Amino acid sequence: MHDSHHEPRPTTPDTERQHEAEPSPRPAIYVASLADYVNGRLHGVWLDAARNPDDIHADIAAMLARSPEPGAEEFAMHDYDQFGHWRVGEYDSIEQISRIARGIAEHGYAYAAWVETLDGDLDDIDPDSEADAFNEDYLGHYGSVTDYAEQMADDLGYIAELAKLPEYVQQYTHIDYAAIACDLEASGDIATITNPDGGVWIFNANS
């Protein structure tokens, strides 16, 4: 994210990783002292971002207090890790970063994709009902939107109904899942975010 050559984020010990078949994301931010940076010195710290904002602010204050630059008060996010599709800005608020990081830690990278569909605006969502809002919107992760259309047709019983037709009729009857997928996206009924590792996250855009 930034040109500075700060220290890499500490890794999880192998003894800890081997007990986690599918470890949950651990979002972290590298917070740097701007007073040091503008004077050609690298001074900062990696912090667990999935915590209460007050705790993060306290750790940032401690980092600034250790700065060799007198009066170091300003800071910026010069790097981040395990935020999935979400991009942390240098001057994003700690409150927003904390909220998104905690959502990712709880729900995985699908949460980061969901936040992107909202353009990062969580102001209208009550934190106490945020998990419910996410679960209501999140339709799942699929190989493609066409795969989702096929699953939807199956869930609605359309495939079973086609199977009831005589065999000689079935060979002339099919569901155009690709066309349904195009219509779903064009209508704005769903929002999709491509997963860099493959597939697509799909969300209800009408809730």
N, C-alpha and C. Protein backbone atom coordinates (compact mmCIF):
# COMPACT_ATOMS: atom_id res chain seq x y z
N MET A 1 0.82 -1.21 0.00
CA MET A 1 0.00 0.00 0.00
C MET A 1 0.85 1.25 0.00
N HIS A 2 2.02 1.20 0.67
CA HIS A 2 2.83 2.39 0.83
C HIS A 2 4.26 2.06 0.47
N ASP A 3 5.02 3.07 0.06
CA ASP A 3 6.38 2.84 -0.38
C ASP A 3 7.36 2.58 0.75
N SER A 4 7.00 2.89 1.98
CA SER A 4 7.92 2.74 3.09
C SER A 4 8.22 1.27 3.34
N HIS A 5 9.46 1.01 3.73
CA HIS A 5 9.89 -0.37 3.97
C HIS A 5 9.83 -0.66 5.45
N HIS A 6 8.63 -0.72 5.98
CA HIS A 6 8.45 -1.03 7.39
C HIS A 6 8.65 -2.51 7.63
N GLU A 7 8.72 -2.88 8.89
CA GLU A 7 8.89 -4.30 9.20
C GLU A 7 7.65 -5.08 8.80
N PRO A 8 7.83 -6.33 8.34
CA PRO A 8 6.66 -7.13 7.96
C PRO A 8 5.82 -7.49 9.17
N ARG A 9 4.57 -7.82 8.89
CA ARG A 9 3.70 -8.22 9.98
C ARG A 9 4.19 -9.53 10.58
N PRO A 10 4.23 -9.64 11.91
CA PRO A 10 4.63 -10.90 12.54
C PRO A 10 3.69 -12.02 12.10
N THR A 11 4.26 -13.18 11.81
CA THR A 11 3.45 -14.31 11.35
C THR A 11 3.00 -15.16 12.52
N THR A 12 1.95 -15.95 12.25
CA THR A 12 1.45 -16.88 13.27
C THR A 12 2.42 -18.05 13.40
N PRO A 13 2.84 -18.42 14.59
CA PRO A 13 3.75 -19.56 14.75
C PRO A 13 3.16 -20.82 14.14
N ASP A 14 4.04 -21.67 13.58
CA ASP A 14 3.58 -22.92 12.97
C ASP A 14 2.85 -23.79 13.97
N THR A 15 3.26 -23.75 15.22
CA THR A 15 2.62 -24.59 16.23
C THR A 15 1.18 -24.18 16.45
N GLU A 16 0.88 -22.92 16.18
CA GLU A 16 -0.50 -22.45 16.31
C GLU A 16 -1.28 -22.74 15.04
N ARG A 17 -0.65 -22.55 13.88
CA ARG A 17 -1.35 -22.75 12.62
C ARG A 17 -1.77 -24.19 12.41
N GLN A 18 -0.96 -25.14 12.85
CA GLN A 18 -1.25 -26.53 12.55
C GLN A 18 -2.53 -27.02 13.21
N HIS A 19 -3.04 -26.29 14.18
CA HIS A 19 -4.28 -26.68 14.83
C HIS A 19 -5.49 -26.01 14.19
N GLU A 20 -5.26 -25.20 13.14
CA GLU A 20 -6.34 -24.47 12.51
C GLU A 20 -6.47 -24.92 11.06
N ALA A 21 -7.47 -25.74 10.79
CA ALA A 21 -7.66 -26.23 9.42
C ALA A 21 -8.00 -25.08 8.49
N GLU A 22 -8.89 -24.20 8.92
CA GLU A 22 -9.28 -23.04 8.12
C GLU A 22 -9.27 -21.82 9.04
N PRO A 23 -8.10 -21.24 9.28
CA PRO A 23 -8.02 -20.12 10.21
C PRO A 23 -8.85 -18.94 9.74
N SER A 24 -9.49 -18.27 10.67
CA SER A 24 -10.26 -17.07 10.36
C SER A 24 -9.30 -15.93 10.03
N PRO A 25 -9.74 -14.98 9.22
CA PRO A 25 -8.90 -13.82 8.93
C PRO A 25 -8.54 -13.08 10.22
N ARG A 26 -7.34 -12.52 10.25
CA ARG A 26 -6.88 -11.73 11.39
C ARG A 26 -6.47 -10.35 10.87
N PRO A 27 -7.43 -9.48 10.58
CA PRO A 27 -7.11 -8.18 10.00
C PRO A 27 -6.16 -7.38 10.89
N ALA A 28 -5.17 -6.77 10.27
CA ALA A 28 -4.20 -5.97 11.00
C ALA A 28 -3.85 -4.72 10.20
N ILE A 29 -3.41 -3.69 10.88
CA ILE A 29 -2.98 -2.45 10.24
C ILE A 29 -1.58 -2.09 10.72
N TYR A 30 -0.80 -1.49 9.83
CA TYR A 30 0.49 -0.94 10.23
C TYR A 30 0.31 0.56 10.35
N VAL A 31 0.45 1.05 11.57
CA VAL A 31 0.24 2.48 11.85
C VAL A 31 1.60 3.14 12.01
N ALA A 32 1.83 4.20 11.24
CA ALA A 32 3.13 4.87 11.25
C ALA A 32 3.02 6.29 11.80
N SER A 33 4.08 6.72 12.45
CA SER A 33 4.18 8.09 12.94
C SER A 33 4.55 8.99 11.76
N LEU A 34 3.73 9.99 11.48
CA LEU A 34 4.00 10.88 10.35
C LEU A 34 5.17 11.81 10.63
N ALA A 35 5.36 12.20 11.88
CA ALA A 35 6.50 13.06 12.21
C ALA A 35 7.81 12.36 11.88
N ASP A 36 7.87 11.08 12.15
CA ASP A 36 9.07 10.31 11.82
C ASP A 36 9.20 10.13 10.31
N TYR A 37 8.08 9.84 9.67
CA TYR A 37 8.10 9.55 8.24
C TYR A 37 8.61 10.74 7.43
N VAL A 38 8.11 11.94 7.74
CA VAL A 38 8.52 13.11 6.96
C VAL A 38 9.97 13.48 7.23
N ASN A 39 10.54 12.96 8.30
CA ASN A 39 11.94 13.21 8.61
C ASN A 39 12.83 12.03 8.24
N GLY A 40 12.29 11.15 7.40
CA GLY A 40 13.09 10.06 6.87
C GLY A 40 13.30 8.90 7.80
N ARG A 41 12.49 8.81 8.83
CA ARG A 41 12.63 7.72 9.79
C ARG A 41 11.37 6.86 9.76
N LEU A 42 11.53 5.56 9.87
CA LEU A 42 10.39 4.65 9.91
C LEU A 42 10.11 4.26 11.35
N HIS A 43 8.95 4.65 11.82
CA HIS A 43 8.56 4.32 13.20
C HIS A 43 7.07 4.02 13.20
N GLY A 44 6.73 2.80 13.52
CA GLY A 44 5.32 2.41 13.52
C GLY A 44 5.15 1.06 14.18
N VAL A 45 3.94 0.52 14.07
CA VAL A 45 3.65 -0.75 14.74
C VAL A 45 2.49 -1.45 14.04
N TRP A 46 2.58 -2.79 13.96
CA TRP A 46 1.46 -3.59 13.49
C TRP A 46 0.48 -3.79 14.64
N LEU A 47 -0.79 -3.60 14.36
CA LEU A 47 -1.81 -3.73 15.40
C LEU A 47 -2.96 -4.63 14.92
N ASP A 48 -3.45 -5.43 15.83
CA ASP A 48 -4.67 -6.20 15.59
C ASP A 48 -5.81 -5.21 15.42
N ALA A 49 -6.46 -5.23 14.25
CA ALA A 49 -7.50 -4.24 13.96
C ALA A 49 -8.88 -4.68 14.42
N ALA A 50 -9.05 -5.96 14.72
CA ALA A 50 -10.37 -6.47 15.11
C ALA A 50 -10.59 -6.33 16.61
N ARG A 51 -10.47 -5.09 17.08
CA ARG A 51 -10.62 -4.81 18.51
C ARG A 51 -11.41 -3.53 18.71
N ASN A 52 -11.71 -3.25 19.96
CA ASN A 52 -12.38 -2.01 20.31
C ASN A 52 -11.53 -0.82 19.86
N PRO A 53 -12.13 0.20 19.24
CA PRO A 53 -11.36 1.35 18.78
C PRO A 53 -10.54 2.01 19.88
N ASP A 54 -11.07 2.05 21.10
CA ASP A 54 -10.33 2.68 22.20
C ASP A 54 -9.01 1.95 22.46
N ASP A 55 -9.02 0.63 22.35
CA ASP A 55 -7.80 -0.14 22.57
C ASP A 55 -6.78 0.13 21.47
N ILE A 56 -7.27 0.27 20.24
CA ILE A 56 -6.37 0.58 19.12
C ILE A 56 -5.77 1.97 19.30
N HIS A 57 -6.61 2.94 19.66
CA HIS A 57 -6.11 4.30 19.89
C HIS A 57 -5.05 4.31 20.99
N ALA A 58 -5.26 3.51 22.02
CA ALA A 58 -4.30 3.45 23.13
C ALA A 58 -2.95 2.92 22.64
N ASP A 59 -2.98 1.90 21.78
CA ASP A 59 -1.74 1.35 21.25
C ASP A 59 -1.05 2.34 20.32
N ILE A 60 -1.84 3.09 19.56
CA ILE A 60 -1.26 4.11 18.68
C ILE A 60 -0.60 5.21 19.51
N ALA A 61 -1.27 5.63 20.58
CA ALA A 61 -0.70 6.65 21.46
C ALA A 61 0.61 6.17 22.07
N ALA A 62 0.67 4.90 22.43
CA ALA A 62 1.90 4.35 23.00
C ALA A 62 3.01 4.33 21.96
N MET A 63 2.67 4.00 20.72
CA MET A 63 3.66 4.01 19.64
C MET A 63 4.21 5.40 19.42
N LEU A 64 3.32 6.41 19.40
CA LEU A 64 3.75 7.79 19.20
C LEU A 64 4.60 8.27 20.37
N ALA A 65 4.27 7.82 21.56
CA ALA A 65 5.04 8.23 22.75
C ALA A 65 6.47 7.69 22.69
N ARG A 66 6.68 6.59 21.99
CA ARG A 66 8.02 6.01 21.87
C ARG A 66 8.83 6.65 20.75
N SER A 67 8.21 7.53 19.99
CA SER A 67 8.89 8.15 18.85
C SER A 67 10.05 9.02 19.31
N PRO A 68 11.17 8.97 18.60
CA PRO A 68 12.29 9.87 18.91
C PRO A 68 12.03 11.30 18.47
N GLU A 69 10.97 11.50 17.68
CA GLU A 69 10.62 12.85 17.25
C GLU A 69 9.79 13.53 18.33
N PRO A 70 10.21 14.71 18.78
CA PRO A 70 9.44 15.41 19.81
C PRO A 70 8.07 15.84 19.29
N GLY A 71 7.06 15.64 20.09
CA GLY A 71 5.71 16.08 19.73
C GLY A 71 5.06 15.27 18.63
N ALA A 72 5.47 14.02 18.46
CA ALA A 72 4.83 13.17 17.45
C ALA A 72 3.39 12.89 17.85
N GLU A 73 2.45 13.34 17.01
CA GLU A 73 1.03 13.20 17.34
C GLU A 73 0.20 12.62 16.20
N GLU A 74 0.64 12.84 14.97
CA GLU A 74 -0.17 12.42 13.82
C GLU A 74 0.30 11.05 13.31
N PHE A 75 -0.65 10.32 12.75
CA PHE A 75 -0.34 8.97 12.28
C PHE A 75 -1.15 8.68 11.02
N ALA A 76 -0.75 7.62 10.35
CA ALA A 76 -1.47 7.16 9.16
C ALA A 76 -1.29 5.66 9.02
N MET A 77 -2.23 5.04 8.32
CA MET A 77 -2.13 3.61 8.04
C MET A 77 -1.27 3.43 6.79
N HIS A 78 -0.09 2.86 6.96
CA HIS A 78 0.82 2.68 5.84
C HIS A 78 0.79 1.27 5.27
N ASP A 79 0.05 0.40 5.88
CA ASP A 79 -0.12 -0.95 5.33
C ASP A 79 -1.26 -1.64 6.07
N TYR A 80 -1.72 -2.72 5.51
CA TYR A 80 -2.78 -3.50 6.16
C TYR A 80 -2.70 -4.93 5.63
N ASP A 81 -3.35 -5.83 6.34
CA ASP A 81 -3.26 -7.25 5.98
C ASP A 81 -4.57 -7.95 6.35
N GLN A 82 -4.98 -8.87 5.50
CA GLN A 82 -6.14 -9.73 5.74
C GLN A 82 -7.45 -8.94 5.90
N PHE A 83 -7.62 -7.94 5.04
CA PHE A 83 -8.90 -7.24 4.96
C PHE A 83 -9.70 -7.68 3.74
N GLY A 84 -9.22 -8.73 3.06
CA GLY A 84 -9.96 -9.22 1.91
C GLY A 84 -10.08 -8.19 0.81
N HIS A 85 -11.31 -8.00 0.32
CA HIS A 85 -11.55 -7.10 -0.80
C HIS A 85 -11.54 -5.63 -0.37
N TRP A 86 -11.60 -5.38 0.92
CA TRP A 86 -11.66 -3.99 1.39
C TRP A 86 -10.27 -3.36 1.40
N ARG A 87 -10.19 -2.11 0.96
CA ARG A 87 -8.93 -1.39 0.91
C ARG A 87 -8.93 -0.31 1.98
N VAL A 88 -8.00 -0.43 2.90
CA VAL A 88 -7.90 0.53 4.00
C VAL A 88 -7.15 1.77 3.51
N GLY A 89 -7.75 2.94 3.72
CA GLY A 89 -7.11 4.18 3.33
C GLY A 89 -6.14 4.67 4.40
N GLU A 90 -5.18 5.48 3.98
CA GLU A 90 -4.18 5.98 4.93
C GLU A 90 -4.80 6.72 6.11
N TYR A 91 -5.90 7.42 5.83
CA TYR A 91 -6.49 8.25 6.88
C TYR A 91 -7.91 7.83 7.24
N ASP A 92 -8.24 6.58 6.96
CA ASP A 92 -9.54 6.07 7.41
C ASP A 92 -9.62 6.15 8.93
N SER A 93 -10.82 6.36 9.44
CA SER A 93 -10.97 6.46 10.89
C SER A 93 -10.74 5.10 11.54
N ILE A 94 -10.18 5.14 12.73
CA ILE A 94 -9.95 3.91 13.48
C ILE A 94 -11.28 3.23 13.78
N GLU A 95 -12.32 4.02 14.00
CA GLU A 95 -13.64 3.46 14.29
C GLU A 95 -14.16 2.63 13.11
N GLN A 96 -14.01 3.17 11.90
CA GLN A 96 -14.46 2.42 10.73
C GLN A 96 -13.60 1.17 10.51
N ILE A 97 -12.29 1.33 10.64
CA ILE A 97 -11.38 0.20 10.45
C ILE A 97 -11.70 -0.91 11.44
N SER A 98 -11.91 -0.54 12.70
CA SER A 98 -12.22 -1.51 13.74
C SER A 98 -13.51 -2.26 13.42
N ARG A 99 -14.52 -1.53 13.01
CA ARG A 99 -15.82 -2.15 12.74
C ARG A 99 -15.73 -3.14 11.59
N ILE A 100 -15.06 -2.75 10.53
CA ILE A 100 -14.92 -3.64 9.38
C ILE A 100 -14.04 -4.84 9.73
N ALA A 101 -12.96 -4.60 10.46
CA ALA A 101 -12.06 -5.69 10.84
C ALA A 101 -12.76 -6.72 11.71
N ARG A 102 -13.58 -6.25 12.64
CA ARG A 102 -14.29 -7.18 13.51
C ARG A 102 -15.32 -8.00 12.72
N GLY A 103 -15.94 -7.36 11.73
CA GLY A 103 -16.88 -8.09 10.88
C GLY A 103 -16.18 -9.16 10.07
N ILE A 104 -14.99 -8.84 9.55
CA ILE A 104 -14.22 -9.82 8.78
C ILE A 104 -13.79 -10.98 9.66
N ALA A 105 -13.33 -10.65 10.88
CA ALA A 105 -12.89 -11.70 11.80
C ALA A 105 -14.04 -12.65 12.14
N GLU A 106 -15.25 -12.11 12.20
CA GLU A 106 -16.41 -12.94 12.58
C GLU A 106 -17.02 -13.69 11.40
N HIS A 107 -17.12 -13.01 10.24
CA HIS A 107 -17.84 -13.59 9.11
C HIS A 107 -16.95 -14.00 7.93
N GLY A 108 -15.68 -13.67 7.97
CA GLY A 108 -14.80 -13.99 6.86
C GLY A 108 -14.78 -12.90 5.80
N TYR A 109 -14.11 -13.19 4.68
CA TYR A 109 -13.92 -12.17 3.65
C TYR A 109 -15.21 -11.80 2.93
N ALA A 110 -16.26 -12.61 3.07
CA ALA A 110 -17.56 -12.23 2.49
C ALA A 110 -18.04 -10.92 3.09
N TYR A 111 -17.69 -10.68 4.35
CA TYR A 111 -18.10 -9.44 5.01
C TYR A 111 -17.43 -8.25 4.33
N ALA A 112 -16.15 -8.37 4.00
CA ALA A 112 -15.45 -7.29 3.32
C ALA A 112 -16.10 -6.99 1.97
N ALA A 113 -16.52 -8.04 1.27
CA ALA A 113 -17.21 -7.85 -0.01
C ALA A 113 -18.55 -7.15 0.20
N TRP A 114 -19.25 -7.52 1.26
CA TRP A 114 -20.54 -6.89 1.58
C TRP A 114 -20.36 -5.40 1.84
N VAL A 115 -19.34 -5.06 2.60
CA VAL A 115 -19.07 -3.64 2.89
C VAL A 115 -18.79 -2.89 1.60
N GLU A 116 -18.13 -3.55 0.66
CA GLU A 116 -17.86 -2.88 -0.62
C GLU A 116 -19.15 -2.60 -1.38
N THR A 117 -20.13 -3.50 -1.29
CA THR A 117 -21.40 -3.25 -1.97
C THR A 117 -22.12 -2.05 -1.37
N LEU A 118 -21.77 -1.72 -0.13
CA LEU A 118 -22.36 -0.57 0.55
C LEU A 118 -21.49 0.67 0.42
N ASP A 119 -20.43 0.56 -0.39
CA ASP A 119 -19.46 1.65 -0.55
C ASP A 119 -18.84 2.06 0.78
N GLY A 120 -18.73 1.11 1.68
CA GLY A 120 -18.10 1.38 2.97
C GLY A 120 -18.96 2.16 3.94
N ASP A 121 -20.21 2.43 3.57
CA ASP A 121 -21.09 3.24 4.41
C ASP A 121 -21.92 2.35 5.33
N LEU A 122 -21.51 2.28 6.58
CA LEU A 122 -22.23 1.49 7.58
C LEU A 122 -23.01 2.37 8.54
N ASP A 123 -23.07 3.66 8.26
CA ASP A 123 -23.69 4.60 9.20
C ASP A 123 -25.16 4.30 9.46
N ASP A 124 -25.86 3.80 8.44
CA ASP A 124 -27.29 3.55 8.60
C ASP A 124 -27.60 2.17 9.18
N ILE A 125 -26.57 1.42 9.50
CA ILE A 125 -26.76 0.07 10.03
C ILE A 125 -26.42 0.06 11.51
N ASP A 126 -27.39 -0.31 12.33
CA ASP A 126 -27.18 -0.40 13.77
C ASP A 126 -26.16 -1.49 14.07
N PRO A 127 -25.07 -1.15 14.78
CA PRO A 127 -24.06 -2.17 15.10
C PRO A 127 -24.65 -3.40 15.78
N ASP A 128 -25.70 -3.20 16.58
CA ASP A 128 -26.30 -4.33 17.30
C ASP A 128 -27.03 -5.30 16.37
N SER A 129 -27.44 -4.82 15.20
CA SER A 129 -28.15 -5.69 14.25
C SER A 129 -27.34 -5.90 12.98
N GLU A 130 -26.06 -5.58 13.05
CA GLU A 130 -25.21 -5.66 11.86
C GLU A 130 -25.07 -7.10 11.35
N ALA A 131 -24.92 -8.05 12.26
CA ALA A 131 -24.79 -9.45 11.85
C ALA A 131 -26.05 -9.92 11.14
N ASP A 132 -27.21 -9.50 11.64
CA ASP A 132 -28.48 -9.87 11.00
C ASP A 132 -28.57 -9.26 9.60
N ALA A 133 -28.12 -8.01 9.47
CA ALA A 133 -28.17 -7.34 8.17
C ALA A 133 -27.27 -8.05 7.17
N PHE A 134 -26.08 -8.43 7.62
CA PHE A 134 -25.16 -9.16 6.74
C PHE A 134 -25.76 -10.50 6.32
N ASN A 135 -26.26 -11.25 7.27
CA ASN A 135 -26.82 -12.58 6.96
C ASN A 135 -28.05 -12.49 6.07
N GLU A 136 -28.80 -11.41 6.19
CA GLU A 136 -29.98 -11.23 5.34
C GLU A 136 -29.56 -10.93 3.90
N ASP A 137 -28.50 -10.16 3.75
CA ASP A 137 -28.05 -9.76 2.41
C ASP A 137 -27.22 -10.84 1.71
N TYR A 138 -26.45 -11.59 2.47
CA TYR A 138 -25.49 -12.52 1.88
C TYR A 138 -26.19 -13.77 1.35
N LEU A 139 -26.10 -13.97 0.05
CA LEU A 139 -26.75 -15.11 -0.60
C LEU A 139 -25.80 -16.28 -0.79
N GLY A 140 -24.51 -16.04 -0.67
CA GLY A 140 -23.56 -17.14 -0.76
C GLY A 140 -22.41 -16.86 -1.70
N HIS A 141 -21.47 -17.79 -1.72
CA HIS A 141 -20.32 -17.74 -2.62
C HIS A 141 -20.48 -18.85 -3.65
N TYR A 142 -20.40 -18.48 -4.93
CA TYR A 142 -20.63 -19.42 -6.02
C TYR A 142 -19.50 -19.32 -7.04
N GLY A 143 -19.39 -20.36 -7.85
CA GLY A 143 -18.39 -20.33 -8.90
C GLY A 143 -18.65 -19.23 -9.91
N SER A 144 -19.93 -18.92 -10.12
CA SER A 144 -20.34 -17.87 -11.05
C SER A 144 -21.78 -17.49 -10.74
N VAL A 145 -22.23 -16.39 -11.35
CA VAL A 145 -23.63 -16.00 -11.17
C VAL A 145 -24.54 -17.03 -11.83
N THR A 146 -24.07 -17.65 -12.90
CA THR A 146 -24.84 -18.71 -13.54
C THR A 146 -25.06 -19.88 -12.59
N ASP A 147 -24.03 -20.22 -11.83
CA ASP A 147 -24.18 -21.28 -10.83
C ASP A 147 -25.24 -20.91 -9.79
N TYR A 148 -25.25 -19.64 -9.41
CA TYR A 148 -26.26 -19.19 -8.45
C TYR A 148 -27.66 -19.31 -9.05
N ALA A 149 -27.81 -18.93 -10.32
CA ALA A 149 -29.11 -19.02 -10.99
C ALA A 149 -29.60 -20.47 -11.02
N GLU A 150 -28.68 -21.40 -11.27
CA GLU A 150 -29.06 -22.81 -11.29
C GLU A 150 -29.48 -23.29 -9.90
N GLN A 151 -28.75 -22.86 -8.88
CA GLN A 151 -29.10 -23.25 -7.52
C GLN A 151 -30.45 -22.67 -7.12
N MET A 152 -30.69 -21.42 -7.53
CA MET A 152 -31.96 -20.77 -7.23
C MET A 152 -33.12 -21.53 -7.89
N ALA A 153 -32.93 -21.94 -9.14
CA ALA A 153 -33.97 -22.68 -9.85
C ALA A 153 -34.25 -24.01 -9.16
N ASP A 154 -33.20 -24.63 -8.66
CA ASP A 154 -33.36 -25.90 -7.95
C ASP A 154 -34.11 -25.68 -6.64
N ASP A 155 -33.72 -24.63 -5.90
CA ASP A 155 -34.37 -24.34 -4.63
C ASP A 155 -35.85 -24.03 -4.80
N LEU A 156 -36.19 -23.39 -5.91
CA LEU A 156 -37.58 -23.02 -6.17
C LEU A 156 -38.40 -24.17 -6.75
N GLY A 157 -37.74 -25.27 -7.03
CA GLY A 157 -38.45 -26.45 -7.52
C GLY A 157 -38.63 -26.51 -9.02
N TYR A 158 -38.01 -25.58 -9.77
CA TYR A 158 -38.21 -25.56 -11.22
C TYR A 158 -37.62 -26.80 -11.88
N ILE A 159 -36.45 -27.22 -11.41
CA ILE A 159 -35.80 -28.39 -12.01
C ILE A 159 -36.63 -29.64 -11.76
N ALA A 160 -37.17 -29.74 -10.56
CA ALA A 160 -38.01 -30.90 -10.24
C ALA A 160 -39.27 -30.92 -11.11
N GLU A 161 -39.82 -29.75 -11.39
CA GLU A 161 -41.02 -29.68 -12.23
C GLU A 161 -40.70 -30.12 -13.65
N LEU A 162 -39.53 -29.69 -14.16
CA LEU A 162 -39.15 -30.11 -15.51
C LEU A 162 -38.99 -31.62 -15.59
N ALA A 163 -38.50 -32.21 -14.51
CA ALA A 163 -38.28 -33.66 -14.49
C ALA A 163 -39.59 -34.44 -14.56
N LYS A 164 -40.70 -33.78 -14.27
CA LYS A 164 -42.01 -34.44 -14.33
C LYS A 164 -42.55 -34.54 -15.75
N LEU A 165 -41.95 -33.78 -16.65
CA LEU A 165 -42.41 -33.82 -18.04
C LEU A 165 -42.02 -35.14 -18.69
N PRO A 166 -42.76 -35.56 -19.68
CA PRO A 166 -42.37 -36.77 -20.42
C PRO A 166 -40.96 -36.61 -20.99
N GLU A 167 -40.23 -37.70 -21.08
CA GLU A 167 -38.84 -37.63 -21.53
C GLU A 167 -38.72 -37.00 -22.92
N TYR A 168 -39.66 -37.30 -23.80
CA TYR A 168 -39.56 -36.76 -25.15
C TYR A 168 -39.77 -35.25 -25.17
N VAL A 169 -40.44 -34.73 -24.13
CA VAL A 169 -40.62 -33.28 -24.02
C VAL A 169 -39.40 -32.64 -23.35
N GLN A 170 -38.82 -33.34 -22.39
CA GLN A 170 -37.68 -32.79 -21.66
C GLN A 170 -36.52 -32.44 -22.58
N GLN A 171 -36.33 -33.24 -23.64
CA GLN A 171 -35.19 -32.97 -24.52
C GLN A 171 -35.34 -31.65 -25.28
N TYR A 172 -36.56 -31.12 -25.30
CA TYR A 172 -36.79 -29.85 -25.98
C TYR A 172 -36.97 -28.69 -24.99
N THR A 173 -36.86 -29.02 -23.73
CA THR A 173 -37.13 -28.01 -22.70
C THR A 173 -35.90 -27.83 -21.82
N HIS A 174 -35.51 -26.61 -21.60
CA HIS A 174 -34.37 -26.35 -20.72
C HIS A 174 -34.52 -24.97 -20.10
N ILE A 175 -33.78 -24.75 -19.04
CA ILE A 175 -33.74 -23.44 -18.40
C ILE A 175 -32.44 -22.76 -18.80
N ASP A 176 -32.54 -21.55 -19.30
CA ASP A 176 -31.35 -20.79 -19.72
C ASP A 176 -30.78 -20.07 -18.50
N TYR A 177 -29.91 -20.77 -17.78
CA TYR A 177 -29.38 -20.20 -16.54
C TYR A 177 -28.50 -18.97 -16.80
N ALA A 178 -27.78 -18.98 -17.90
CA ALA A 178 -26.93 -17.83 -18.23
C ALA A 178 -27.78 -16.58 -18.44
N ALA A 179 -28.94 -16.75 -19.11
CA ALA A 179 -29.82 -15.61 -19.35
C ALA A 179 -30.42 -15.11 -18.04
N ILE A 180 -30.79 -16.04 -17.15
CA ILE A 180 -31.32 -15.65 -15.84
C ILE A 180 -30.27 -14.86 -15.08
N ALA A 181 -29.02 -15.34 -15.14
CA ALA A 181 -27.93 -14.65 -14.44
C ALA A 181 -27.76 -13.23 -14.96
N CYS A 182 -27.82 -13.07 -16.28
CA CYS A 182 -27.70 -11.73 -16.87
C CYS A 182 -28.84 -10.83 -16.42
N ASP A 183 -30.05 -11.38 -16.40
CA ASP A 183 -31.22 -10.59 -15.99
C ASP A 183 -31.12 -10.18 -14.52
N LEU A 184 -30.64 -11.09 -13.67
CA LEU A 184 -30.51 -10.77 -12.25
C LEU A 184 -29.55 -9.61 -12.03
N GLU A 185 -28.43 -9.65 -12.75
CA GLU A 185 -27.44 -8.58 -12.60
C GLU A 185 -27.95 -7.27 -13.20
N ALA A 186 -28.58 -7.37 -14.37
CA ALA A 186 -29.06 -6.16 -15.05
C ALA A 186 -30.19 -5.48 -14.27
N SER A 187 -30.99 -6.28 -13.58
CA SER A 187 -32.13 -5.72 -12.85
C SER A 187 -31.72 -5.04 -11.55
N GLY A 188 -30.51 -5.33 -11.10
CA GLY A 188 -30.06 -4.77 -9.83
C GLY A 188 -30.59 -5.52 -8.62
N ASP A 189 -31.16 -6.70 -8.86
CA ASP A 189 -31.69 -7.50 -7.74
C ASP A 189 -30.57 -8.07 -6.88
N ILE A 190 -29.41 -8.28 -7.50
CA ILE A 190 -28.27 -8.80 -6.75
C ILE A 190 -27.05 -7.91 -6.96
N ALA A 191 -26.15 -7.96 -6.00
CA ALA A 191 -24.86 -7.29 -6.12
C ALA A 191 -23.79 -8.38 -6.07
N THR A 192 -22.81 -8.28 -6.92
CA THR A 192 -21.77 -9.31 -6.99
C THR A 192 -20.39 -8.69 -6.81
N ILE A 193 -19.54 -9.41 -6.09
CA ILE A 193 -18.15 -9.01 -5.91
C ILE A 193 -17.29 -10.22 -6.25
N THR A 194 -16.37 -10.04 -7.17
CA THR A 194 -15.50 -11.13 -7.59
C THR A 194 -14.47 -11.46 -6.51
N ASN A 195 -14.34 -12.72 -6.22
CA ASN A 195 -13.33 -13.19 -5.27
C ASN A 195 -12.01 -13.38 -6.02
N PRO A 196 -10.94 -12.70 -5.63
CA PRO A 196 -9.66 -12.86 -6.33
C PRO A 196 -9.17 -14.31 -6.36
N ASP A 197 -9.60 -15.11 -5.40
CA ASP A 197 -9.19 -16.51 -5.34
C ASP A 197 -10.11 -17.43 -6.13
N GLY A 198 -11.10 -16.84 -6.80
CA GLY A 198 -12.02 -17.63 -7.60
C GLY A 198 -13.45 -17.53 -7.12
N GLY A 199 -14.38 -17.51 -8.06
CA GLY A 199 -15.79 -17.43 -7.69
C GLY A 199 -16.26 -16.01 -7.47
N VAL A 200 -17.46 -15.92 -6.91
CA VAL A 200 -18.08 -14.61 -6.72
C VAL A 200 -18.96 -14.64 -5.48
N TRP A 201 -18.91 -13.54 -4.73
CA TRP A 201 -19.83 -13.37 -3.60
C TRP A 201 -21.09 -12.70 -4.13
N ILE A 202 -22.25 -13.17 -3.69
CA ILE A 202 -23.51 -12.63 -4.19
C ILE A 202 -24.35 -12.14 -3.01
N PHE A 203 -24.93 -10.95 -3.19
CA PHE A 203 -25.71 -10.33 -2.13
C PHE A 203 -27.05 -9.85 -2.67
N ASN A 204 -28.04 -9.88 -1.80
CA ASN A 204 -29.35 -9.33 -2.11
C ASN A 204 -29.24 -7.81 -2.13
N ALA A 205 -29.57 -7.20 -3.24
CA ALA A 205 -29.44 -5.75 -3.37
C ALA A 205 -30.75 -5.03 -3.10
N ASN A 206 -31.79 -5.76 -2.73
CA ASN A 206 -33.11 -5.15 -2.52
C ASN A 206 -33.52 -5.06 -1.06
N SER A 207 -32.64 -5.45 -0.15
CA SER A 207 -33.03 -5.44 1.26
C SER A 207 -32.92 -4.03 1.84
